[in-house]
C-alpha atoms as a PDB file:
ATOM      1  CA  MET A   1     -29.195  38.302-101.223  1.00  0.00           C
ATOM      2  CA  VAL A   2     -30.572  38.693-104.611  1.00  0.00           C
ATOM      3  CA  GLU A   3     -33.934  39.956-103.162  1.00  0.00           C
ATOM      4  CA  GLY A   4     -31.855  42.552-101.100  1.00  0.00           C
ATOM      5  CA  ILE A   5     -30.005  43.837-104.099  1.00  0.00           C
ATOM      6  CA  ARG A   6     -33.454  43.949-105.942  1.00  0.00           C
ATOM      7  CA  THR A   7     -35.382  45.766-103.246  1.00  0.00           C
ATOM      8  CA  GLY A   8     -32.830  47.049-100.738  1.00  0.00           C
ATOM      9  CA  ILE A   9     -33.350  47.066 -96.873  1.00  0.00           C
ATOM     10  CA  PHE A  10     -36.893  48.294 -97.258  1.00  0.00           C
ATOM     11  CA  GLY A  11     -38.140  45.599 -99.417  1.00  0.00           C
ATOM     12  CA  ASN A  12     -39.291  42.009 -98.926  1.00  0.00           C
ATOM     13  CA  SER A  13     -35.830  40.780 -98.141  1.00  0.00           C
ATOM     14  CA  ARG A  14     -36.652  41.536 -94.506  1.00  0.00           C
ATOM     15  CA  LEU A  15     -39.439  38.943 -94.418  1.00  0.00           C
ATOM     16  CA  PHE A  16     -37.361  36.537 -96.454  1.00  0.00           C
ATOM     17  CA  PHE A  17     -34.468  36.913 -93.904  1.00  0.00           C
ATOM     18  CA  ILE A  18     -36.733  36.266 -91.042  1.00  0.00           C
ATOM     19  CA  GLY A  19     -38.663  33.483 -92.664  1.00  0.00           C
ATOM     20  CA  PHE A  20     -35.441  31.697 -93.552  1.00  0.00           C
ATOM     21  CA  LEU A  21     -34.062  32.016 -90.038  1.00  0.00           C
ATOM     22  CA  LEU A  22     -37.305  30.686 -88.596  1.00  0.00           C
ATOM     23  CA  ALA A  23     -37.296  27.722 -91.119  1.00  0.00           C
ATOM     24  CA  ALA A  24     -33.718  26.980 -90.129  1.00  0.00           C
ATOM     25  CA  ALA A  25     -34.684  27.102 -86.384  1.00  0.00           C
ATOM     26  CA  MET A  26     -37.487  24.704 -87.074  1.00  0.00           C
ATOM     27  CA  LEU A  27     -35.400  22.292 -89.299  1.00  0.00           C
ATOM     28  CA  PHE A  28     -32.025  22.294 -87.650  1.00  0.00           C
ATOM     29  CA  ASP A  29     -30.543  22.194 -84.125  1.00  0.00           C
ATOM     30  CA  ARG A  30     -29.038  25.103 -82.339  1.00  0.00           C
ATOM     31  CA  ARG A  31     -25.527  24.736 -83.834  1.00  0.00           C
ATOM     32  CA  GLU A  32     -26.777  24.554 -87.427  1.00  0.00           C
ATOM     33  CA  PHE A  33     -29.052  27.453 -86.770  1.00  0.00           C
ATOM     34  CA  LEU A  34     -26.225  29.625 -85.629  1.00  0.00           C
ATOM     35  CA  ILE A  35     -24.184  28.694 -88.786  1.00  0.00           C
ATOM     36  CA  THR A  36     -27.300  29.690 -90.970  1.00  0.00           C
ATOM     37  CA  PHE A  37     -27.794  32.795 -88.817  1.00  0.00           C
ATOM     38  CA  GLY A  38     -24.221  33.963 -89.370  1.00  0.00           C
ATOM     39  CA  ILE A  39     -24.467  33.256 -92.969  1.00  0.00           C
ATOM     40  CA  SER A  40     -27.588  35.301 -93.273  1.00  0.00           C
ATOM     41  CA  VAL A  41     -26.104  38.258 -91.407  1.00  0.00           C
ATOM     42  CA  ILE A  42     -23.033  38.149 -93.450  1.00  0.00           C
ATOM     43  CA  SER A  43     -25.323  38.084 -96.604  1.00  0.00           C
ATOM     44  CA  VAL A  44     -27.213  41.104 -95.432  1.00  0.00           C
ATOM     45  CA  ALA A  45     -24.081  43.079 -94.420  1.00  0.00           C
ATOM     46  CA  LEU A  46     -22.464  42.226 -97.756  1.00  0.00           C
ATOM     47  CA  THR A  47     -25.549  43.325 -99.703  1.00  0.00           C
ATOM     48  CA  GLY A  48     -25.683  46.618 -97.750  1.00  0.00           C
ATOM     49  CA  TRP A  49     -21.985  47.310 -98.369  1.00  0.00           C
ATOM     50  CA  LEU A  50     -22.420  46.564-102.054  1.00  0.00           C
ATOM     51  CA  LEU A  51     -25.377  48.917-102.387  1.00  0.00           C
ATOM     52  CA  ILE A  52     -24.094  51.653-100.299  1.00  0.00           C
ATOM     53  CA  THR A  53     -20.655  51.729-102.078  1.00  0.00           C
ATOM     54  CA  SER A  54     -22.574  51.668-105.411  1.00  0.00           C
ATOM     55  CA  THR A  55     -20.655  48.523-106.287  1.00  0.00           C
ATOM     56  CA  VAL A  56     -24.095  47.088-107.246  1.00  0.00           C
ATOM     57  CA  ILE A  57     -27.078  49.230-108.431  1.00  0.00           C
ATOM     58  CA  LEU A  58     -30.617  48.503-107.057  1.00  0.00           C
ATOM     59  CA  ALA A  59     -32.755  46.551-109.524  1.00  0.00           C
ATOM     60  CA  THR A  60     -35.623  48.771-108.668  1.00  0.00           C
ATOM     61  CA  PRO A  61     -34.688  52.534-109.072  1.00  0.00           C
ATOM     62  CA  GLU A  62     -37.586  53.986-107.172  1.00  0.00           C
ATOM     63  CA  VAL A  63     -36.303  52.290-103.998  1.00  0.00           C
ATOM     64  CA  THR A  64     -33.702  54.174-102.184  1.00  0.00           C
ATOM     65  CA  VAL A  65     -30.572  52.520-100.880  1.00  0.00           C
ATOM     66  CA  GLY A  66     -30.584  54.216 -97.551  1.00  0.00           C
ATOM     67  CA  TYR A  67     -27.806  55.111 -95.266  1.00  0.00           C
ATOM     68  CA  ILE A  68     -25.362  52.865 -93.571  1.00  0.00           C
ATOM     69  CA  SER A  69     -27.130  53.591 -90.252  1.00  0.00           C
ATOM     70  CA  THR A  70     -30.391  52.617 -91.715  1.00  0.00           C
ATOM     71  CA  TRP A  71     -28.949  49.169 -92.814  1.00  0.00           C
ATOM     72  CA  ILE A  72     -27.344  48.591 -89.407  1.00  0.00           C
ATOM     73  CA  VAL A  73     -30.567  49.492 -87.535  1.00  0.00           C
ATOM     74  CA  GLY A  74     -32.579  47.437 -89.995  1.00  0.00           C
ATOM     75  CA  THR A  75     -30.274  44.443 -89.685  1.00  0.00           C
ATOM     76  CA  LEU A  76     -30.158  44.580 -85.916  1.00  0.00           C
ATOM     77  CA  LEU A  77     -34.010  44.735 -85.784  1.00  0.00           C
ATOM     78  CA  MET A  78     -34.237  41.726 -88.122  1.00  0.00           C
ATOM     79  CA  ILE A  79     -31.507  39.872 -86.071  1.00  0.00           C
ATOM     80  CA  LEU A  80     -33.306  40.543 -82.831  1.00  0.00           C
ATOM     81  CA  LEU A  81     -36.789  39.581 -84.274  1.00  0.00           C
ATOM     82  CA  ALA A  82     -35.395  36.413 -85.856  1.00  0.00           C
ATOM     83  CA  TRP A  83     -33.568  35.443 -82.648  1.00  0.00           C
ATOM     84  CA  GLY A  84     -36.719  36.159 -80.551  1.00  0.00           C
ATOM     85  CA  LEU A  85     -38.648  33.868 -82.850  1.00  0.00           C
ATOM     86  CA  GLU A  86     -35.951  31.190 -82.741  1.00  0.00           C
ATOM     87  CA  GLU A  87     -36.019  31.313 -78.901  1.00  0.00           C
ATOM     88  CA  ALA A  88     -39.789  31.182 -79.033  1.00  0.00           C
ATOM     89  CA  TRP A  89     -39.732  28.270 -81.233  1.00  0.00           C
ATOM     90  CA  ARG A  90     -37.100  26.480 -78.984  1.00  0.00           C
ATOM     91  CA  ARG A  91     -39.306  27.048 -75.956  1.00  0.00           C
ATOM     92  CA  ILE A  92     -42.328  25.645 -77.887  1.00  0.00           C
ATOM     93  CA  GLN A  93     -40.199  22.583 -78.685  1.00  0.00           C
ATOM     94  CA  LYS A  94     -39.079  22.271 -74.989  1.00  0.00           C
ATOM     95  CA  GLU A  95     -42.508  22.632 -73.604  1.00  0.00           C
ATOM     96  CA  TYR A  96     -43.805  20.212 -76.177  1.00  0.00           C
ATOM     97  CA  SER A  97     -41.072  17.667 -75.332  1.00  0.00           C
ATOM     98  CA  ILE A  98     -41.831  18.097 -71.649  1.00  0.00           C
ATOM     99  CA  SER A  99     -45.617  17.745 -72.311  1.00  0.00           C
ATOM    100  CA  GLN A 100     -44.814  14.505 -74.274  1.00  0.00           C
ATOM    101  CA  ALA A 101     -42.628  13.126 -71.555  1.00  0.00           C
ATOM    102  CA  THR A 102     -45.172  14.016 -68.875  1.00  0.00           C
ATOM    103  CA  LEU A 103     -47.915  12.417 -70.980  1.00  0.00           C
ATOM    104  CA  LYS A 104     -45.679   9.318 -71.653  1.00  0.00           C
ATOM    105  CA  ASN A 105     -45.070   9.106 -67.853  1.00  0.00           C
ATOM    106  CA  ALA A 106     -48.722   9.393 -67.114  1.00  0.00           C
ATOM    107  CA  MET A 107     -49.675   6.686 -69.652  1.00  0.00           C
ATOM    108  CA  SER A 108     -46.854   4.487 -68.374  1.00  0.00           C
ATOM    109  CA  ALA A 109     -48.126   5.104 -64.820  1.00  0.00           C
ATOM    110  CA  LEU A 110     -51.640   4.486 -65.793  1.00  0.00           C
ATOM    111  CA  SER A 111     -50.549   1.295 -67.461  1.00  0.00           C
ATOM    112  CA  ASN A 112     -48.595   0.190 -64.436  1.00  0.00           C
ATOM    113  CA  GLU A 113     -51.626   0.940 -62.180  1.00  0.00           C
ATOM    114  CA  ARG A 114     -53.861  -0.929 -64.463  1.00  0.00           C
ATOM    115  CA  ALA A 115     -51.440  -3.913 -64.448  1.00  0.00           C
ATOM    116  CA  ASN A 116     -51.191  -3.707 -60.658  1.00  0.00           C
ATOM    117  CA  PHE A 117     -54.963  -3.475 -60.337  1.00  0.00           C
ATOM    118  CA  GLU A 118     -55.395  -6.503 -62.627  1.00  0.00           C
ATOM    119  CA  THR A 119     -52.825  -8.352 -60.547  1.00  0.00           C
ATOM    120  CA  ARG A 120     -54.506  -7.460 -57.297  1.00  0.00           C
ATOM    121  CA  PHE A 121     -57.960  -8.332 -58.632  1.00  0.00           C
ATOM    122  CA  SER A 122     -56.692 -11.650 -59.912  1.00  0.00           C
ATOM    123  CA  GLU A 123     -55.180 -12.260 -56.448  1.00  0.00           C
ATOM    124  CA  ARG A 124     -58.307 -11.235 -54.725  1.00  0.00           C
ATOM    125  CA  MET A 125     -60.436 -13.495 -57.111  1.00  0.00           C
ATOM    126  CA  LYS A 126     -58.073 -16.348 -56.288  1.00  0.00           C
ATOM    127  CA  GLU A 127     -58.259 -15.643 -52.506  1.00  0.00           C
ATOM    128  CA  THR A 128     -62.132 -15.592 -52.768  1.00  0.00           C
ATOM    129  CA  GLU A 129     -62.130 -18.895 -54.799  1.00  0.00           C
ATOM    130  CA  THR A 130     -59.824 -20.411 -52.155  1.00  0.00           C
ATOM    131  CA  VAL A 131     -62.080 -19.201 -49.291  1.00  0.00           C
ATOM    132  CA  PHE A 132     -65.185 -20.226 -51.035  1.00  0.00           C
ATOM    133  CA  GLU A 133     -63.726 -23.748 -51.656  1.00  0.00           C
ATOM    134  CA  ALA A 134     -62.586 -24.018 -48.038  1.00  0.00           C
ATOM    135  CA  LEU A 135     -66.059 -22.931 -46.874  1.00  0.00           C
ATOM    136  CA  LYS A 136     -67.728 -25.470 -49.257  1.00  0.00           C
ATOM    137  CA  LYS A 137     -65.320 -28.238 -48.272  1.00  0.00           C
ATOM    138  CA  GLN A 138     -66.059 -27.312 -44.393  1.00  0.00           C
ATOM    139  CA  GLY A 139     -69.742 -27.363 -45.118  1.00  0.00           C
ATOM    140  CA  ASP A 140     -69.428 -30.739 -46.818  1.00  0.00           C
ATOM    141  CA  LEU A 141     -67.408 -31.984 -43.792  1.00  0.00           C
ATOM    142  CA  PHE A 142     -70.063 -30.793 -41.325  1.00  0.00           C
ATOM    143  CA  HIS A 143     -72.645 -32.426 -43.462  1.00  0.00           C
ATOM    144  CA  GLU A 144     -70.965 -35.725 -43.449  1.00  0.00           C
ATOM    145  CA  VAL A 145     -70.440 -35.424 -39.703  1.00  0.00           C
ATOM    146  CA  GLY A 146     -74.200 -34.800 -39.233  1.00  0.00           C
ATOM    147  CA  GLU A 147     -74.935 -37.871 -41.392  1.00  0.00           C
ATOM    148  CA  LEU A 148     -72.530 -39.946 -39.602  1.00  0.00           C
ATOM    149  CA  LEU A 149     -74.123 -38.945 -36.186  1.00  0.00           C
ATOM    150  CA  GLN A 150     -77.547 -39.893 -37.591  1.00  0.00           C
ATOM    151  CA  THR A 151     -76.400 -43.365 -38.372  1.00  0.00           C
ATOM    152  CA  THR A 152     -75.188 -43.814 -34.682  1.00  0.00           C
ATOM    153  CA  LEU A 153     -78.429 -42.680 -32.886  1.00  0.00           C
ATOM    154  CA  SER A 154     -80.090 -46.090 -32.844  1.00  0.00           C
ATOM    155  CA  ILE A 155     -76.921 -47.866 -31.458  1.00  0.00           C
ATOM    156  CA  HIS A 156     -77.100 -48.532 -27.702  1.00  0.00           C
ATOM    157  CA  ASP A 157     -74.144 -50.858 -27.263  1.00  0.00           C
ATOM    158  CA  LEU A 158     -70.889 -49.124 -26.447  1.00  0.00           C
ATOM    159  CA  LYS A 159     -68.502 -51.463 -28.456  1.00  0.00           C
ATOM    160  CA  GLU A 160     -70.807 -51.463 -31.437  1.00  0.00           C
ATOM    161  CA  LEU A 161     -71.150 -47.595 -31.254  1.00  0.00           C
ATOM    162  CA  MET A 162     -67.390 -47.079 -31.194  1.00  0.00           C
ATOM    163  CA  ALA A 163     -66.645 -49.631 -33.900  1.00  0.00           C
ATOM    164  CA  THR A 164     -69.424 -47.802 -36.192  1.00  0.00           C
ATOM    165  CA  PHE A 165     -67.866 -44.451 -35.398  1.00  0.00           C
ATOM    166  CA  ALA A 166     -64.242 -45.714 -36.325  1.00  0.00           C
ATOM    167  CA  GLN A 167     -65.493 -47.327 -39.553  1.00  0.00           C
ATOM    168  CA  LYS A 168     -67.742 -44.475 -40.739  1.00  0.00           C
ATOM    169  CA  ILE A 169     -65.051 -41.777 -39.895  1.00  0.00           C
ATOM    170  CA  GLY A 170     -62.449 -43.695 -41.938  1.00  0.00           C
ATOM    171  CA  GLU A 171     -64.638 -44.435 -44.739  1.00  0.00           C
ATOM    172  CA  ASN A 172     -66.235 -40.844 -45.100  1.00  0.00           C
ATOM    173  CA  PHE A 173     -63.034 -38.831 -44.675  1.00  0.00           C
ATOM    174  CA  HIS A 174     -60.729 -41.198 -46.498  1.00  0.00           C
ATOM    175  CA  LEU A 175     -58.270 -41.736 -43.626  1.00  0.00           C
ATOM    176  CA  TYR A 176     -55.543 -44.289 -43.317  1.00  0.00           C
ATOM    177  CA  HIS A 177     -56.221 -45.169 -39.705  1.00  0.00           C
ATOM    178  CA  VAL A 178     -58.819 -44.263 -37.090  1.00  0.00           C
ATOM    179  CA  GLY A 179     -58.528 -45.232 -33.467  1.00  0.00           C
ATOM    180  CA  ILE A 180     -60.771 -44.603 -30.399  1.00  0.00           C
ATOM    181  CA  TYR A 181     -59.174 -44.793 -27.073  1.00  0.00           C
ATOM    182  CA  LEU A 182     -60.823 -44.783 -23.673  1.00  0.00           C
ATOM    183  CA  ASN A 183     -59.047 -44.089 -20.355  1.00  0.00           C
ATOM    184  CA  ASP A 184     -59.397 -46.698 -17.634  1.00  0.00           C
ATOM    185  CA  GLU A 185     -61.046 -45.864 -14.253  1.00  0.00           C
ATOM    186  CA  ASN A 186     -57.783 -44.845 -12.571  1.00  0.00           C
ATOM    187  CA  ASN A 187     -56.639 -42.775 -15.540  1.00  0.00           C
ATOM    188  CA  ALA A 188     -53.338 -44.836 -15.705  1.00  0.00           C
ATOM    189  CA  TYR A 189     -53.799 -46.220 -19.175  1.00  0.00           C
ATOM    190  CA  THR A 190     -55.648 -45.403 -22.294  1.00  0.00           C
ATOM    191  CA  LEU A 191     -57.010 -48.518 -24.238  1.00  0.00           C
ATOM    192  CA  LEU A 192     -57.819 -48.827 -27.854  1.00  0.00           C
ATOM    193  CA  GLN A 193     -61.427 -49.764 -28.076  1.00  0.00           C
ATOM    194  CA  ALA A 194     -62.217 -49.489 -31.735  1.00  0.00           C
ATOM    195  CA  ALA A 195     -60.248 -49.094 -35.007  1.00  0.00           C
ATOM    196  CA  TYR A 196     -60.446 -48.646 -38.652  1.00  0.00           C
ATOM    197  CA  GLY A 197     -57.778 -49.840 -41.058  1.00  0.00           C
ATOM    198  CA  THR A 198     -55.646 -53.108 -41.186  1.00  0.00           C
ATOM    199  CA  GLY A 199     -52.987 -51.841 -38.836  1.00  0.00           C
ATOM    200  CA  GLY A 200     -55.604 -50.643 -36.335  1.00  0.00           C
ATOM    201  CA  GLU A 201     -57.361 -53.961 -36.376  1.00  0.00           C
ATOM    202  CA  LYS A 202     -54.106 -55.788 -35.636  1.00  0.00           C
ATOM    203  CA  LEU A 203     -53.434 -53.529 -32.758  1.00  0.00           C
ATOM    204  CA  LEU A 204     -57.038 -53.911 -31.576  1.00  0.00           C
ATOM    205  CA  ALA A 205     -56.604 -57.658 -31.577  1.00  0.00           C
ATOM    206  CA  LYS A 206     -53.525 -57.355 -29.363  1.00  0.00           C
ATOM    207  CA  GLY A 207     -55.337 -55.290 -26.721  1.00  0.00           C
ATOM    208  CA  TYR A 208     -53.255 -52.300 -27.484  1.00  0.00           C
ATOM    209  CA  LYS A 209     -52.932 -49.719 -24.609  1.00  0.00           C
ATOM    210  CA  LEU A 210     -50.793 -46.847 -23.625  1.00  0.00           C
ATOM    211  CA  LYS A 211     -49.671 -45.534 -20.348  1.00  0.00           C
ATOM    212  CA  ILE A 212     -51.060 -41.959 -19.910  1.00  0.00           C
ATOM    213  CA  ASP A 213     -48.055 -39.742 -19.702  1.00  0.00           C
ATOM    214  CA  ARG A 214     -46.505 -37.247 -22.373  1.00  0.00           C
ATOM    215  CA  SER A 215     -44.126 -39.554 -24.174  1.00  0.00           C
ATOM    216  CA  ASN A 216     -46.006 -39.625 -27.421  1.00  0.00           C
ATOM    217  CA  VAL A 217     -48.953 -38.017 -29.234  1.00  0.00           C
ATOM    218  CA  ILE A 218     -51.754 -40.188 -27.811  1.00  0.00           C
ATOM    219  CA  ASN A 219     -50.348 -40.095 -24.369  1.00  0.00           C
ATOM    220  CA  TYR A 220     -49.917 -36.316 -24.508  1.00  0.00           C
ATOM    221  CA  VAL A 221     -53.554 -35.770 -25.445  1.00  0.00           C
ATOM    222  CA  SER A 222     -54.794 -38.283 -22.849  1.00  0.00           C
ATOM    223  CA  ALA A 223     -52.684 -36.518 -20.022  1.00  0.00           C
ATOM    224  CA  THR A 224     -53.339 -32.859 -21.083  1.00  0.00           C
ATOM    225  CA  GLY A 225     -56.803 -32.931 -22.780  1.00  0.00           C
ATOM    226  CA  ALA A 226     -55.302 -30.529 -25.515  1.00  0.00           C
ATOM    227  CA  PRO A 227     -55.629 -31.523 -29.251  1.00  0.00           C
ATOM    228  CA  HIS A 228     -52.298 -32.322 -31.009  1.00  0.00           C
ATOM    229  CA  ILE A 229     -51.972 -31.822 -34.790  1.00  0.00           C
ATOM    230  CA  SER A 230     -48.945 -32.851 -36.815  1.00  0.00           C
ATOM    231  CA  LYS A 231     -49.030 -32.192 -40.554  1.00  0.00           C
ATOM    232  CA  ARG A 232     -45.632 -33.818 -40.954  1.00  0.00           C
ATOM    233  CA  VAL A 233     -45.086 -36.540 -38.488  1.00  0.00           C
ATOM    234  CA  LYS A 234     -41.398 -36.967 -39.321  1.00  0.00           C
ATOM    235  CA  ASP A 235     -40.804 -33.446 -37.942  1.00  0.00           C
ATOM    236  CA  ASP A 236     -42.881 -34.133 -34.760  1.00  0.00           C
ATOM    237  CA  ILE A 237     -40.856 -34.858 -31.629  1.00  0.00           C
ATOM    238  CA  LEU A 238     -43.799 -36.400 -29.946  1.00  0.00           C
ATOM    239  CA  TYR A 239     -44.471 -38.770 -32.766  1.00  0.00           C
ATOM    240  CA  GLU A 240     -43.323 -42.475 -32.132  1.00  0.00           C
ATOM    241  CA  PRO A 241     -43.585 -44.682 -35.333  1.00  0.00           C
ATOM    242  CA  ASN A 242     -45.828 -47.635 -34.913  1.00  0.00           C
ATOM    243  CA  PRO A 243     -44.835 -50.691 -36.808  1.00  0.00           C
ATOM    244  CA  GLU A 244     -48.386 -51.612 -37.505  1.00  0.00           C
ATOM    245  CA  LEU A 245     -49.032 -48.111 -39.075  1.00  0.00           C
ATOM    246  CA  PRO A 246     -45.866 -47.547 -41.375  1.00  0.00           C
ATOM    247  CA  GLU A 247     -47.686 -45.286 -43.970  1.00  0.00           C
ATOM    248  CA  THR A 248     -48.735 -42.577 -41.392  1.00  0.00           C
ATOM    249  CA  ARG A 249     -47.679 -39.142 -42.659  1.00  0.00           C
ATOM    250  CA  SER A 250     -50.010 -36.864 -40.732  1.00  0.00           C
ATOM    251  CA  ILE A 251     -51.899 -37.179 -37.507  1.00  0.00           C
ATOM    252  CA  ALA A 252     -54.735 -35.375 -35.642  1.00  0.00           C
ATOM    253  CA  ALA A 253     -55.294 -36.508 -32.050  1.00  0.00           C
ATOM    254  CA  LEU A 254     -58.316 -34.970 -30.438  1.00  0.00           C
ATOM    255  CA  PRO A 255     -59.464 -35.317 -26.892  1.00  0.00           C
ATOM    256  CA  LEU A 256     -62.772 -36.926 -25.885  1.00  0.00           C
ATOM    257  CA  LEU A 257     -64.149 -34.533 -23.250  1.00  0.00           C
ATOM    258  CA  ASN A 258     -66.927 -34.836 -20.681  1.00  0.00           C
ATOM    259  CA  ASP A 259     -67.244 -31.745 -18.519  1.00  0.00           C
ATOM    260  CA  GLN A 260     -63.533 -30.809 -19.162  1.00  0.00           C
ATOM    261  CA  GLN A 261     -62.464 -34.179 -18.087  1.00  0.00           C
ATOM    262  CA  THR A 262     -60.590 -36.343 -20.728  1.00  0.00           C
ATOM    263  CA  ILE A 263     -62.232 -39.686 -21.079  1.00  0.00           C
ATOM    264  CA  GLY A 264     -60.266 -40.877 -24.251  1.00  0.00           C
ATOM    265  CA  VAL A 265     -58.673 -39.905 -27.518  1.00  0.00           C
ATOM    266  CA  LEU A 266     -59.922 -39.841 -31.160  1.00  0.00           C
ATOM    267  CA  ASP A 267     -56.842 -40.698 -33.212  1.00  0.00           C
ATOM    268  CA  LEU A 268     -57.000 -39.776 -36.948  1.00  0.00           C
ATOM    269  CA  GLU A 269     -54.107 -40.602 -39.151  1.00  0.00           C
ATOM    270  CA  SER A 270     -53.597 -39.968 -42.873  1.00  0.00           C
ATOM    271  CA  ASN A 271     -51.014 -41.459 -45.278  1.00  0.00           C
ATOM    272  CA  LEU A 272     -50.588 -37.948 -46.892  1.00  0.00           C
ATOM    273  CA  GLU A 273     -48.467 -35.087 -45.687  1.00  0.00           C
ATOM    274  CA  SER A 274     -50.745 -32.029 -44.588  1.00  0.00           C
ATOM    275  CA  GLY A 275     -53.702 -34.466 -44.734  1.00  0.00           C
ATOM    276  CA  PHE A 276     -55.562 -32.178 -42.312  1.00  0.00           C
ATOM    277  CA  SER A 277     -56.423 -28.547 -42.841  1.00  0.00           C
ATOM    278  CA  ASP A 278     -57.668 -26.039 -40.289  1.00  0.00           C
ATOM    279  CA  GLN A 279     -61.213 -26.472 -41.727  1.00  0.00           C
ATOM    280  CA  ASP A 280     -60.962 -30.141 -41.282  1.00  0.00           C
ATOM    281  CA  LEU A 281     -59.975 -29.885 -37.680  1.00  0.00           C
ATOM    282  CA  ASP A 282     -62.959 -27.693 -36.946  1.00  0.00           C
ATOM    283  CA  ALA A 283     -65.173 -30.286 -38.198  1.00  0.00           C
ATOM    284  CA  PHE A 284     -63.303 -33.102 -36.410  1.00  0.00           C
ATOM    285  CA  ASN A 285     -63.425 -31.175 -33.108  1.00  0.00           C
ATOM    286  CA  VAL A 286     -67.158 -31.153 -33.396  1.00  0.00           C
ATOM    287  CA  LEU A 287     -67.017 -34.901 -34.215  1.00  0.00           C
ATOM    288  CA  ALA A 288     -64.828 -35.607 -31.285  1.00  0.00           C
ATOM    289  CA  ASN A 289     -67.227 -33.808 -29.025  1.00  0.00           C
ATOM    290  CA  GLN A 290     -70.148 -35.715 -30.382  1.00  0.00           C
ATOM    291  CA  VAL A 291     -68.389 -39.068 -30.074  1.00  0.00           C
ATOM    292  CA  ALA A 292     -67.650 -38.179 -26.376  1.00  0.00           C
ATOM    293  CA  ALA A 293     -71.290 -37.269 -25.784  1.00  0.00           C
ATOM    294  CA  ALA A 294     -72.440 -40.486 -27.534  1.00  0.00           C
ATOM    295  CA  ILE A 295     -70.033 -42.470 -25.373  1.00  0.00           C
ATOM    296  CA  MET A 296     -71.232 -40.759 -22.179  1.00  0.00           C
ATOM    297  CA  ASN A 297     -74.863 -41.235 -23.136  1.00  0.00           C
ATOM    298  CA  ILE A 298     -74.572 -44.996 -23.464  1.00  0.00           C
ATOM    299  CA  ARG A 299     -72.467 -45.314 -20.311  1.00  0.00           C
ATOM    300  CA  THR A 300     -75.102 -43.239 -18.512  1.00  0.00           C
ATOM    301  CA  LEU A 301     -77.813 -45.594 -20.115  1.00  0.00           C
ATOM    302  CA  ASN A 302     -75.954 -48.698 -19.196  1.00  0.00           C
ATOM    303  CA  ALA A 303     -75.405 -47.543 -15.650  1.00  0.00           C
ATOM    304  CA  THR A 304     -79.091 -46.507 -15.310  1.00  0.00           C
ATOM    305  CA  GLN A 305     -80.112 -49.961 -16.694  1.00  0.00           C
ATOM    306  CA  GLN A 306     -77.710 -51.854 -14.507  1.00  0.00           C
ATOM    307  CA  ALA A 307     -79.062 -49.793 -11.550  1.00  0.00           C
ATOM    308  CA  LEU A 308     -82.562 -50.605 -12.444  1.00  0.00           C
ATOM    309  CA  ALA A 309     -81.768 -54.253 -12.837  1.00  0.00           C
ATOM    310  CA  GLU A 310     -80.007 -54.213  -9.463  1.00  0.00           C
ATOM    311  CA  ALA A 311     -82.966 -52.379  -7.848  1.00  0.00           C
ATOM    312  CA  ARG A 312     -85.467 -54.861  -9.510  1.00  0.00           C
ATOM    313  CA  ALA A 313     -83.407 -57.760  -8.129  1.00  0.00           C
ATOM    314  CA  ILE A 314     -83.302 -56.285  -4.544  1.00  0.00           C
ATOM    315  CA  TYR A 315     -87.056 -55.552  -4.872  1.00  0.00           C
ATOM    316  CA  GLY A 316     -87.616 -59.142  -6.045  1.00  0.00           C
ATOM    317  CA  HIS A 317     -85.622 -60.564  -3.301  1.00  0.00           C
ATOM    318  CA  TYR A 318     -87.489 -58.630  -0.548  1.00  0.00           C
ATOM    319  CA  LEU A 319     -90.792 -59.350  -2.124  1.00  0.00           C
ATOM    320  CA  ARG A 320     -89.976 -62.993  -2.104  1.00  0.00           C
ATOM    321  CA  GLU A 321     -89.001 -62.949   1.538  1.00  0.00           C
ATOM    322  CA  ALA A 322     -92.080 -61.039   2.381  1.00  0.00           C
ATOM    323  CA  TRP A 323     -94.364 -63.505   0.807  1.00  0.00           C
ATOM    324  CA  GLU A 324     -92.465 -66.403   2.296  1.00  0.00           C
ATOM    325  CA  LYS A 325     -92.885 -64.731   5.785  1.00  0.00           C
ATOM    326  CA  ILE A 326     -96.620 -64.408   5.053  1.00  0.00           C
ATOM    327  CA  ALA A 327     -96.974 -67.940   4.194  1.00  0.00           C
ATOM    328  CA  VAL A 328     -95.248 -69.160   7.155  1.00  0.00           C
ATOM    329  CA  GLU A 329     -97.421 -67.130   9.466  1.00  0.00           C
ATOM    330  CA  LYS A 330    -100.580 -68.389   7.737  1.00  0.00           C
ATOM    331  CA  ARG A 331     -99.529 -71.969   8.386  1.00  0.00           C
ATOM    332  CA  THR A 332     -98.790 -71.252  12.078  1.00  0.00           C
ATOM    333  CA  VAL A 333    -102.149 -69.713  12.592  1.00  0.00           C
ATOM    334  CA  GLY A 334    -104.070 -72.623  10.970  1.00  0.00           C
ATOM    335  CA  TYR A 335    -102.701 -75.269  13.430  1.00  0.00           C
ATOM    336  CA  ARG A 336    -103.172 -73.209  16.587  1.00  0.00           C
ATOM    337  CA  TYR A 337    -105.912 -74.683  19.183  1.00  0.00           C
END
């Protein structure tokens, strides 16, 4: 107001008026700006009235006061310019706020995406480690199966072979019980032929056998030729507890097959729940097939040896008869006149 009195509407008061309102727009919110704006307009109007009515004399004589229309037009122009600058500043603030919010959201989304990526990467690494460990374990199992089969190549006695298989399988795979069953000639019963573990040895001493039907796990496998896996025997309707094997918690019963015909069962039992994984079963299936093949090889060898012995006996019998006949004929010829 003082500057307006000193220089009038044509002086630096216009710049001061616009600058003052712009500073108010920057520093205050809309409500406080409007109050400041009103005070500034009143100040300009009051200054103009005081100068026009000669109530107050300009401090600079060379500057003319101007007409009332000049003050009105000048004031309106300053108001419009100040208002326009305020609106521009508000828009800049708004755009800046939007940009800040957008940037904040983008940073938040990027942070979330990074966290998700790290989580997915960690999960994939864990899955890879799990698969690698499973493959390594499976490889170790197949290696043990191969070594086990190597130890039985020189065995040609069926009972010794099955006893060796049962013992080596139980020791190498840390099992609670191993049983090898063979079906009888009529496929009426399956008989325990070899066992590993204290309970299994007691059953073997009793001449343990089971009727081939579908009443329990061993019977079911003998009857159907299909493997049966139970990771929790207490939840298995086919499982019947055996008093000699009270600590069994999981079981894998695998058929011994020869040309799609079931000749027996490989019974594997663990004292741990979920004692058999899918990778273990792949190795045990290979093992069961090799056990069946070894049994059939020895059966074939024994049958061949028996047939050869019978053939030798028959050949010896006929040979003795032929020599005896020749000897009789020679004596008869010697006394003929």
